[in-house]
Amino acid sequence: MQILATVLVILHFIGLAFLLGSFLVQVKDIAAGKGRVLRGMVDGALTQLVTGIALVGIYSAHLVEDETVNNAKVGVKLVVLLVITALVFIFRKREVAPSWALWAIGGLTTLNIVLAVAWK
């Protein structure tokens, strides 16, 4: 199970890279009011959601030794990710997405990174 957990963590990081990278690559466009929800944001949000839930399930079932789950942390991170996913899906079809929504996606993604690293 350790191998599966490691693969899921790697995929979780790849989803993060898609989500944050898709935001960062168009910061100038967002500031100019011409930003869009890119496909990488959709794929990244869904990858983060699926792999995060799978990891919590594996760790909660104690299938990997010495791993515990902080349910409060996971709950907060899940709510933040659900808001990100909602914003991504609401504005994905628009030619130009509202700047506030794109800044929110980038900011909330960064918040989730901070929560993951700083909240023990």
Protein backbone atom coordinates (compact mmCIF):
# COMPACT_ATOMS: atom_id res chain seq x y z
CA MET A 1 0.00 0.00 0.00
CA GLN A 2 2.97 2.29 0.56
CA ILE A 3 3.70 2.30 -3.17
CA LEU A 4 0.11 3.29 -3.97
CA ALA A 5 0.22 6.06 -1.37
CA THR A 6 3.48 7.36 -2.87
CA VAL A 7 2.02 7.34 -6.38
CA LEU A 8 -1.06 9.19 -5.12
CA VAL A 9 1.10 11.83 -3.39
CA ILE A 10 3.05 12.34 -6.62
CA LEU A 11 -0.18 12.69 -8.60
CA HIS A 12 -1.50 15.09 -5.93
CA PHE A 13 1.58 17.29 -6.46
CA ILE A 14 1.13 17.11 -10.23
CA GLY A 15 -2.48 18.30 -9.80
CA LEU A 16 -1.18 21.17 -7.68
CA ALA A 17 1.34 22.06 -10.37
CA PHE A 18 -1.39 22.10 -13.02
CA LEU A 19 -3.68 24.27 -10.91
CA LEU A 20 -1.12 26.80 -9.69
CA GLY A 21 0.88 26.79 -12.92
CA SER A 22 -2.22 27.54 -14.99
CA PHE A 23 -2.87 30.53 -12.74
CA LEU A 24 0.71 31.82 -12.71
CA VAL A 25 1.21 31.55 -16.46
CA GLN A 26 -1.50 34.13 -17.07
CA VAL A 27 -1.07 36.60 -14.20
CA LYS A 28 -0.49 39.47 -16.68
CA ASP A 29 -3.66 38.59 -18.57
CA ILE A 30 -5.63 38.35 -15.33
CA ALA A 31 -4.37 41.77 -14.24
CA ALA A 32 -5.43 43.14 -17.63
CA GLY A 33 -8.91 41.61 -17.28
CA LYS A 34 -8.32 39.03 -20.02
CA GLY A 35 -7.72 35.90 -17.96
CA ARG A 36 -9.44 32.59 -18.57
CA VAL A 37 -9.99 29.36 -16.73
CA LEU A 38 -7.50 27.11 -18.47
CA ARG A 39 -7.87 23.37 -18.95
CA GLY A 40 -5.00 22.84 -16.51
CA MET A 41 -7.07 24.43 -13.75
CA VAL A 42 -9.92 22.00 -14.36
CA ASP A 43 -7.62 18.98 -14.57
CA GLY A 44 -5.57 20.11 -11.59
CA ALA A 45 -8.57 20.71 -9.35
CA LEU A 46 -10.06 17.31 -10.19
CA THR A 47 -6.72 15.55 -9.77
CA GLN A 48 -6.24 17.18 -6.38
CA LEU A 49 -9.76 16.20 -5.31
CA VAL A 50 -9.56 12.55 -6.37
CA THR A 51 -6.03 11.92 -5.09
CA GLY A 52 -6.67 13.79 -1.83
CA ILE A 53 -9.77 11.74 -1.05
CA ALA A 54 -7.94 8.52 -1.95
CA LEU A 55 -5.01 9.42 0.31
CA VAL A 56 -7.28 10.24 3.24
CA GLY A 57 -9.05 6.91 2.74
CA ILE A 58 -5.80 4.94 2.67
CA TYR A 59 -4.39 6.73 5.71
CA SER A 60 -7.66 6.59 7.67
CA ALA A 61 -7.87 2.83 7.11
CA HIS A 62 -4.32 2.53 8.52
CA LEU A 63 -3.11 0.77 5.39
CA VAL A 64 0.19 2.64 5.64
CA GLU A 65 2.17 2.40 8.85
CA ASP A 66 2.91 5.53 10.88
CA GLU A 67 0.44 7.71 8.97
CA THR A 68 -2.37 9.51 10.75
CA VAL A 69 -5.04 11.86 9.51
CA ASN A 70 -5.74 15.28 10.99
CA ASN A 71 -9.46 15.43 10.21
CA ALA A 72 -9.78 19.13 11.00
CA LYS A 73 -6.97 19.97 8.56
CA VAL A 74 -8.37 17.67 5.89
CA GLY A 75 -11.84 19.17 6.34
CA VAL A 76 -10.62 22.75 5.92
CA LYS A 77 -8.47 21.83 2.91
CA LEU A 78 -11.42 19.98 1.35
CA VAL A 79 -13.71 22.99 1.73
CA VAL A 80 -11.07 25.25 0.16
CA LEU A 81 -10.61 22.81 -2.73
CA LEU A 82 -14.36 22.52 -3.27
CA VAL A 83 -14.58 26.32 -3.57
CA ILE A 84 -11.70 26.25 -6.08
CA THR A 85 -13.39 23.46 -8.04
CA ALA A 86 -16.71 25.30 -8.05
CA LEU A 87 -15.09 28.49 -9.36
CA VAL A 88 -13.24 26.54 -12.03
CA PHE A 89 -16.38 24.80 -13.24
CA ILE A 90 -18.60 27.89 -13.09
CA PHE A 91 -16.24 30.00 -15.21
CA ARG A 92 -14.59 27.39 -17.45
CA LYS A 93 -16.84 28.02 -20.46
CA ARG A 94 -16.43 31.80 -20.48
CA GLU A 95 -14.11 33.37 -23.01
CA VAL A 96 -12.92 35.79 -20.31
CA ALA A 97 -13.39 34.92 -16.65
CA PRO A 98 -13.81 37.62 -13.99
CA SER A 99 -10.46 38.64 -12.55
CA TRP A 100 -11.73 38.24 -9.00
CA ALA A 101 -12.52 34.56 -9.65
CA LEU A 102 -9.08 33.87 -11.08
CA TRP A 103 -7.34 35.69 -8.22
CA ALA A 104 -9.50 33.66 -5.83
CA ILE A 105 -8.45 30.41 -7.53
CA GLY A 106 -4.78 31.36 -7.25
CA GLY A 107 -5.10 32.64 -3.69
CA LEU A 108 -7.08 29.66 -2.45
CA THR A 109 -4.63 27.28 -4.10
CA THR A 110 -1.80 29.04 -2.28
CA LEU A 111 -3.81 28.88 0.95
CA ASN A 112 -4.13 25.11 0.55
CA ILE A 113 -0.36 24.84 0.14
CA VAL A 114 0.18 26.88 3.30
CA LEU A 115 -2.31 24.74 5.21
CA ALA A 116 -0.64 21.54 4.00
CA VAL A 117 2.82 22.67 5.07
CA ALA A 118 2.19 24.78 8.17
CA TRP A 119 -0.68 22.94 9.89
CA LYS A 120 0.71 19.95 11.73
